[in-house]
Protein backbone atom coordinates (compact mmCIF):
# COMPACT_ATOMS: atom_id res chain seq x y z
CA MET A 1 98.41 111.98 97.36
CA ARG A 2 96.72 108.72 96.38
CA ILE A 3 98.94 105.72 96.02
CA ALA A 4 96.17 103.73 94.32
CA CYS A 5 98.04 100.67 93.03
CA ALA A 6 101.27 99.38 94.39
CA ALA A 7 104.47 101.34 94.78
CA PHE A 8 106.84 98.40 94.76
CA ALA A 9 107.36 94.74 95.36
CA LEU A 10 110.12 93.17 97.41
CA LEU A 11 111.64 89.79 96.72
CA LEU A 12 112.82 87.71 99.63
CA GLY A 13 114.21 84.34 99.70
CA SER A 14 116.00 81.70 100.16
CA PHE A 15 114.82 79.46 102.94
CA PRO A 16 113.91 75.79 102.68
CA ALA A 17 110.14 75.34 102.39
CA LEU A 18 109.05 73.14 105.29
CA ALA A 19 105.44 74.12 105.96
CA GLN A 20 102.64 75.00 103.55
CA ASN A 21 100.80 77.52 105.72
CA VAL A 22 101.46 81.11 106.74
CA LYS A 23 101.78 81.50 110.49
CA ILE A 24 100.36 84.71 112.03
CA THR A 25 101.15 85.56 115.65
CA PRO A 26 99.86 88.77 117.26
CA ILE A 27 102.15 90.33 119.88
CA GLY A 28 100.19 92.37 122.42
CA SER A 29 100.32 93.63 125.96
CA HIS A 30 98.69 90.67 127.74
CA PRO A 31 99.19 87.04 126.63
CA GLY A 32 96.00 85.30 125.60
CA GLU A 33 94.01 88.51 125.22
CA LEU A 34 93.13 91.17 122.62
CA CYS A 35 93.71 94.42 124.48
CA ALA A 36 93.15 98.10 123.82
CA ASN A 37 96.70 98.95 122.75
CA ASP A 38 97.42 95.81 120.70
CA ARG A 39 98.64 96.32 117.14
CA ALA A 40 101.85 94.34 116.43
CA ILE A 41 101.65 91.10 114.44
CA ILE A 42 104.37 88.69 113.26
CA PHE A 43 103.91 86.88 109.94
CA GLU A 44 105.93 83.84 108.89
CA ASP A 45 105.99 82.59 105.31
CA PRO A 46 106.42 78.83 104.62
CA THR A 47 109.96 79.64 103.44
CA GLY A 48 110.84 80.88 106.95
CA VAL A 49 110.80 84.59 106.09
CA ARG A 50 109.43 86.48 109.11
CA PHE A 51 108.26 90.08 109.36
CA LEU A 52 106.79 92.34 112.01
CA TYR A 53 103.84 94.53 111.06
CA ASP A 54 103.88 97.80 113.09
CA ALA A 55 106.00 97.33 116.21
CA ALA A 56 103.69 99.78 117.96
CA GLN A 57 103.71 99.98 121.77
CA ASN A 58 103.64 96.19 122.08
CA VAL A 59 107.28 95.18 122.56
CA THR A 60 109.52 95.63 125.58
CA ASP A 61 112.47 96.54 123.32
CA GLY A 62 114.16 95.38 120.13
CA ASN A 63 115.17 92.12 121.80
CA ASP A 64 111.75 91.21 123.16
CA PRO A 65 112.05 87.39 123.35
CA ARG A 66 108.65 86.94 121.70
CA LEU A 67 110.01 88.37 118.45
CA GLY A 68 112.50 85.67 117.52
CA ALA A 69 114.06 86.14 114.10
CA ILE A 70 112.67 89.19 112.29
CA HIS A 71 113.84 89.78 108.73
CA LEU A 72 111.67 92.79 107.95
CA VAL A 73 109.71 95.45 109.81
CA LEU A 74 106.68 97.06 108.17
CA LEU A 75 105.74 100.61 109.21
CA SER A 76 102.34 101.92 108.13
CA HIS A 77 102.42 105.40 109.63
CA MET A 78 103.97 107.68 112.23
CA HIS A 79 101.34 107.85 114.94
CA GLY A 80 102.83 106.92 118.29
CA ASP A 81 100.75 103.77 118.66
CA HIS A 82 102.26 102.43 115.41
CA VAL A 83 105.82 103.73 115.11
CA GLY A 84 106.12 103.16 118.86
CA ASP A 85 106.70 106.25 120.99
CA LEU A 86 106.13 104.03 124.04
CA LYS A 87 107.09 100.42 124.81
CA LEU A 88 105.78 97.84 127.23
CA LYS A 89 107.10 98.22 130.75
CA ALA A 90 106.67 94.47 131.10
CA ARG A 91 104.59 91.81 129.40
CA GLY A 92 101.21 91.56 131.16
CA GLU A 93 101.71 94.63 133.37
CA GLY A 94 98.89 97.12 133.78
CA THR A 95 95.38 96.29 132.61
CA CYS A 96 94.08 95.06 129.29
CA ALA A 97 92.35 98.42 128.90
CA ASN A 98 95.53 100.38 129.68
CA SER A 99 98.82 98.48 129.59
CA ALA A 100 101.84 99.77 131.51
CA ARG A 101 104.20 101.54 129.08
CA VAL A 102 107.36 103.67 129.26
CA PRO A 103 108.92 106.11 126.77
CA ALA A 104 110.77 104.76 123.74
CA PRO A 105 112.65 107.91 122.60
CA ASN A 106 114.05 106.25 119.47
CA SER A 107 110.77 104.42 118.68
CA THR A 108 110.15 100.70 118.99
CA THR A 109 110.33 100.46 115.20
CA ALA A 110 113.95 101.66 115.21
CA GLU A 111 114.77 99.46 118.21
CA VAL A 112 113.59 96.32 116.41
CA VAL A 113 115.22 97.27 113.08
CA ALA A 114 118.53 97.91 114.85
CA ALA A 115 118.42 94.80 117.05
CA LYS A 116 117.43 92.45 114.22
CA ASN A 117 119.41 93.99 111.33
CA ALA A 118 116.08 94.05 109.54
CA VAL A 119 114.82 95.48 106.27
CA LEU A 120 112.46 98.39 106.91
CA VAL A 121 109.46 98.36 104.57
CA THR A 122 107.80 101.78 104.40
CA THR A 123 107.86 104.96 102.32
CA ARG A 124 111.03 106.98 101.80
CA ALA A 125 109.65 109.83 103.92
CA MET A 126 109.11 107.62 106.95
CA ALA A 127 112.31 105.69 106.30
CA GLY A 128 114.43 108.83 106.71
CA PHE A 129 113.04 109.32 110.20
CA VAL A 130 113.73 105.71 111.22
CA HIS A 131 117.25 105.88 109.73
CA ASN A 132 118.14 108.70 112.11
CA LYS A 133 116.76 106.81 115.09
CA VAL A 134 118.61 103.60 114.18
CA ASP A 135 121.83 105.62 113.79
CA ALA A 136 121.27 107.08 117.27
CA ILE A 137 120.91 103.56 118.69
CA ASP A 138 123.97 102.20 116.86
CA GLY A 139 126.19 105.14 117.85
CA SER A 140 128.43 107.55 115.99
CA GLY A 141 131.05 104.93 115.12
CA SER A 142 128.65 102.82 113.06
CA LYS A 143 127.85 103.08 109.36
CA PRO A 144 124.64 105.10 108.87
CA MET A 145 121.55 103.15 107.87
CA ASP A 146 120.75 103.50 104.17
CA PHE A 147 118.37 102.21 101.54
CA CYS A 148 118.78 98.67 100.26
CA ALA A 149 120.75 98.46 97.01
CA THR A 150 117.90 96.99 94.95
CA LEU A 151 114.16 96.38 95.03
CA ALA A 152 114.76 92.63 95.23
CA VAL A 153 116.34 91.78 98.58
CA THR A 154 117.53 88.44 99.90
CA VAL A 155 117.22 88.09 103.66
CA PRO A 156 118.82 88.08 106.11
CA VAL A 157 120.67 91.23 105.07
CA PRO A 158 124.19 92.00 106.36
CA ALA A 159 123.07 95.39 107.72
CA ALA A 160 119.73 97.08 108.31
CA CYS A 161 118.43 98.90 105.25
CA SER A 162 115.17 100.33 103.91
CA SER A 163 113.19 99.16 100.91
CA ARG A 164 113.33 101.51 97.94
CA ILE A 165 109.71 102.62 97.88
CA ASP A 166 108.94 105.93 96.27
CA LEU A 167 105.93 107.90 95.10
CA PRO A 168 104.40 108.05 92.54
CA PRO A 169 104.10 104.31 91.97
CA ARG A 170 106.94 102.47 90.29
CA PRO A 171 106.74 99.27 88.21
CA LYS A 172 106.62 96.12 90.28
CA THR A 173 109.25 93.44 90.41
CA ARG A 174 107.64 90.02 90.33
CA SER A 175 109.03 86.62 91.28
CA LYS A 176 107.59 83.22 92.00
CA GLN A 177 110.33 82.52 94.53
CA GLY A 178 109.77 85.12 97.23
CA VAL A 179 107.34 87.11 99.35
CA GLU A 180 106.01 90.20 97.60
CA PHE A 181 105.15 93.44 99.42
CA THR A 182 103.07 96.21 97.88
CA ILE A 183 102.06 99.49 99.49
CA VAL A 184 98.48 100.61 99.01
CA TYR A 185 96.36 103.60 99.92
CA SER A 186 95.29 104.40 103.49
CA ALA A 187 92.63 107.02 104.23
CA HIS A 188 94.24 108.49 107.32
CA VAL A 189 96.72 111.16 108.46
CA ASN A 190 100.43 110.73 109.16
CA ASP A 191 101.65 113.20 111.76
CA VAL A 192 104.49 112.01 113.94
CA ALA A 193 104.25 111.54 117.70
CA PRO A 194 105.69 114.80 119.14
CA ALA A 195 107.67 112.95 121.82
CA LEU A 196 109.87 111.46 119.10
CA LEU A 197 110.95 114.88 117.83
CA SER A 198 113.73 117.07 119.14
CA LYS A 199 112.81 119.72 121.70
CA ALA A 200 113.63 122.44 119.17
CA GLU A 201 111.28 120.90 116.61
CA GLN A 202 108.54 120.48 119.19
CA ASP A 203 108.79 124.14 120.17
CA LEU A 204 108.77 125.26 116.54
CA LEU A 205 105.62 123.31 115.77
CA LYS A 206 103.91 124.40 118.98
CA ALA A 207 104.46 128.06 118.12
CA ASP A 208 102.29 127.66 115.02
CA GLY A 209 99.89 125.06 116.35
CA ALA A 210 101.26 122.71 113.72
CA GLN A 211 101.90 118.99 113.35
CA LEU A 212 104.68 117.39 111.35
CA GLY A 213 103.54 114.95 108.67
CA TYR A 214 105.75 112.38 106.93
CA GLY A 215 103.95 111.99 103.62
CA PRO A 216 100.97 109.64 103.18
CA PRO A 217 100.27 106.70 105.48
CA VAL A 218 100.08 103.30 103.82
CA GLY A 219 98.57 99.87 104.04
CA PHE A 220 100.11 96.75 102.52
CA VAL A 221 99.25 93.81 100.32
CA VAL A 222 101.52 90.83 100.98
CA LYS A 223 101.66 87.89 98.59
CA PHE A 224 103.05 84.78 100.29
CA THR A 225 104.66 81.82 98.60
CA ASN A 226 101.77 79.45 99.42
CA GLY A 227 99.30 81.66 97.51
CA LEU A 228 97.88 83.58 100.48
CA VAL A 229 97.31 87.27 99.69
CA ALA A 230 96.91 89.38 102.84
CA TYR A 231 95.63 92.94 102.96
CA LEU A 232 96.99 94.80 105.99
CA SER A 233 94.70 97.79 106.26
CA SER A 234 96.65 100.06 108.61
CA ASP A 235 94.40 102.76 110.11
CA THR A 236 91.95 103.71 107.40
CA ALA A 237 88.44 104.77 106.57
CA VAL A 238 86.51 103.10 103.76
CA PHE A 239 87.78 103.99 100.26
CA GLY A 240 86.89 102.85 96.75
CA ASP A 241 90.20 101.12 96.07
CA MET A 242 89.27 98.47 98.61
CA LYS A 243 87.15 97.02 95.79
CA THR A 244 89.03 97.97 92.62
CA VAL A 245 92.63 97.54 93.80
CA ILE A 246 92.62 95.30 96.88
CA HIS A 247 89.87 92.89 95.80
CA ASP A 248 89.72 93.06 92.00
CA PHE A 249 93.41 93.54 91.18
CA HIS A 250 95.34 91.96 94.05
CA LYS A 251 92.62 89.43 94.90
CA ALA A 252 93.37 89.54 98.64
CA ASN A 253 91.85 86.53 100.40
CA LEU A 254 92.77 87.53 103.97
CA ALA A 255 92.02 90.96 105.44
CA VAL A 256 93.79 92.12 108.62
CA ILE A 257 91.64 95.07 109.68
CA ASN A 258 92.50 97.83 112.15
CA LEU A 259 89.42 98.96 114.07
CA GLY A 260 89.15 101.68 116.72
CA PRO A 261 87.16 104.93 116.77
CA ASN A 262 89.47 106.78 114.37
CA PRO A 263 88.88 106.64 111.44
CA GLY A 264 85.75 104.65 112.20
CA LEU A 265 85.72 101.08 110.84
CA PHE A 266 83.61 99.99 113.78
CA GLN A 267 80.77 101.79 112.01
CA SER A 268 81.64 101.07 108.36
CA GLY A 269 83.68 97.89 108.66
CA ALA A 270 80.88 95.51 107.71
CA TYR A 271 80.34 97.32 104.41
CA ALA A 272 84.08 97.47 103.72
CA ILE A 273 84.49 93.74 104.36
CA ASN A 274 81.26 92.30 102.98
CA ASP A 275 80.82 94.49 99.90
CA LEU A 276 84.27 95.82 98.96
CA LEU A 277 87.05 93.51 100.18
CA GLN A 278 85.11 90.21 100.21
CA PRO A 279 87.97 88.17 101.76
CA ALA A 280 87.84 84.50 102.65
CA SER A 281 88.80 85.38 106.26
CA VAL A 282 89.24 88.44 108.47
CA ILE A 283 91.48 89.19 111.45
CA PHE A 284 90.53 92.09 113.72
CA THR A 285 93.18 94.08 115.58
CA HIS A 286 93.67 97.68 116.88
CA VAL A 287 90.34 97.48 118.68
CA ASN A 288 91.04 100.25 121.23
CA GLU A 289 89.10 98.37 123.89
CA ALA A 290 89.65 95.37 126.12
CA ALA A 291 87.93 93.06 123.65
CA THR A 292 88.50 89.79 125.51
CA GLU A 293 88.51 88.40 129.01
CA ALA A 294 90.21 85.07 129.72
CA GLY A 295 90.74 84.81 125.99
CA LYS A 296 87.03 85.02 125.14
CA LEU A 297 85.29 87.85 123.30
CA ARG A 298 83.43 90.14 125.67
CA ALA A 299 79.79 90.40 124.63
CA ASN A 300 79.18 94.10 125.21
CA THR A 301 81.99 95.43 123.01
CA GLN A 302 82.11 97.20 119.67
CA THR A 303 84.28 94.36 118.42
CA ALA A 304 81.59 91.79 119.22
CA ALA A 305 78.93 93.90 117.52
CA LEU A 306 80.97 94.15 114.32
CA MET A 307 81.82 90.45 114.22
CA LYS A 308 78.09 89.65 114.08
CA GLN A 309 77.77 91.74 110.92
CA VAL A 310 80.65 90.23 108.98
CA LYS A 311 79.91 87.40 106.54
CA ALA A 312 83.42 85.92 106.28
CA PRO A 313 84.92 83.93 109.18
CA ALA A 314 86.35 86.57 111.55
CA TYR A 315 89.11 86.01 114.09
CA LEU A 316 90.62 88.07 116.88
CA ALA A 317 94.31 88.98 117.05
CA ILE A 318 94.82 87.27 120.40
CA SER A 319 98.30 88.01 121.75
CA GLU A 320 100.77 85.12 121.40
CA ARG A 321 98.17 82.79 119.91
CA ALA A 322 99.50 81.58 116.55
CA MET A 323 97.09 81.10 113.66
CA GLU A 324 97.87 79.34 110.37
CA PHE A 325 96.32 80.12 107.00
CA ASP A 326 96.45 78.18 103.77
CA GLY A 327 96.85 79.70 100.32
CA LYS A 328 93.10 80.23 99.92
CA GLY A 329 92.80 82.39 103.03
CA LYS A 330 91.29 79.67 105.21
CA CYS A 331 92.41 79.32 108.83
CA VAL A 332 93.58 75.75 109.35
CA SER A 333 95.03 75.98 112.87
CA GLY A 334 94.86 78.14 115.99
CA CYS A 335 91.61 79.92 115.23
C-alpha cells in the first residue's frame, strides 16, 4: 500500500530555545568512523527535543551512555539491522567491516523505548510488536505500553507510548511550536527478523517457507522549529514521490540517505538526489561497507564513487561526530 503523503504529524514541545541549529549525531559501532553496520542517528531540535532514528544494531543497550536524553524513537521497518535483533557487544569492538554484536531478544528499539520512557514513532502494525517487547522488559507487574492519547504529544511523557499513526493517511495536525513528524513512502519490504519471533512462530513460518511482514515500511519527513526539513529515507529504491511529495510538497532541504546494496541507491542515488530530491545538503548512512579509515573517506569504496556524482554538499554519518544544520539545510558546524 502506498502511503504517498503524510500519515500524521506529532507536536512536541516545551523546551526553552537556546540554539538555532539542529544537531545531528550518528551513533555507530566505532567512534570517528562510518562503518558497515552503522544506521542509528540522534537528532536534537533547538528546543531540546531529542529523538533516535532507528536504534539498529548500534547501541549496547537502552542505557548506552552515548544516547543521553531520548524523547522519541523512530522505527522505519522491521529488518534486524533497523529494529535491532543484535546489539553492540562493546563500543569499538570487532572491525569496522564487521562489528562485534550479541543477541538482543527484545530488540534494541524496545530496550531504548523502555529505558527512556520514549514515544515510539512508527506505524500501528510495527508498534504492536514493540509494545509486546517493551512489556516483556518491564515485567508482568507493569502497565502495558499503549498508544499515546492524542496526535499532539508534549515530551517528556510520563510513560512510554506510541504515536497514533494509521493507514490510510489521516489529516495532519500542524503547529508552529513543535517538531512535526510525517511518515512517507518507502520502496522496500518489511519482514521481521526471525530471531525476534517466538520459536512456535518461527517453526510455523519455516514450514511454509514464509516470512512475517508488519505492513509497509516507512521513511520520515521531520520539520524542525528552526525551519530545517529533513527527509529520512529509510531503506528504499527510487520512487516518484521523492519529487512530488518530498521535494515539491514538503520542500525537504536535508536528505539523510540510506545506501547499501539493497535496494540499490548506490546505483541510482545520484539521480534520486540530483533530479528528484534536490536538497541543500545530504548525509549518507547505512553504507554496508567500511567507508572510512581514521575518519577519512576510503577512496576505493562505493560511497566515495557516489559522493563524486552528487551535486549538493554531501557528508558522512561519522559515529559520534556531531553536525549542526541551520534552517536552510546548510551545515554550519562539524562537517
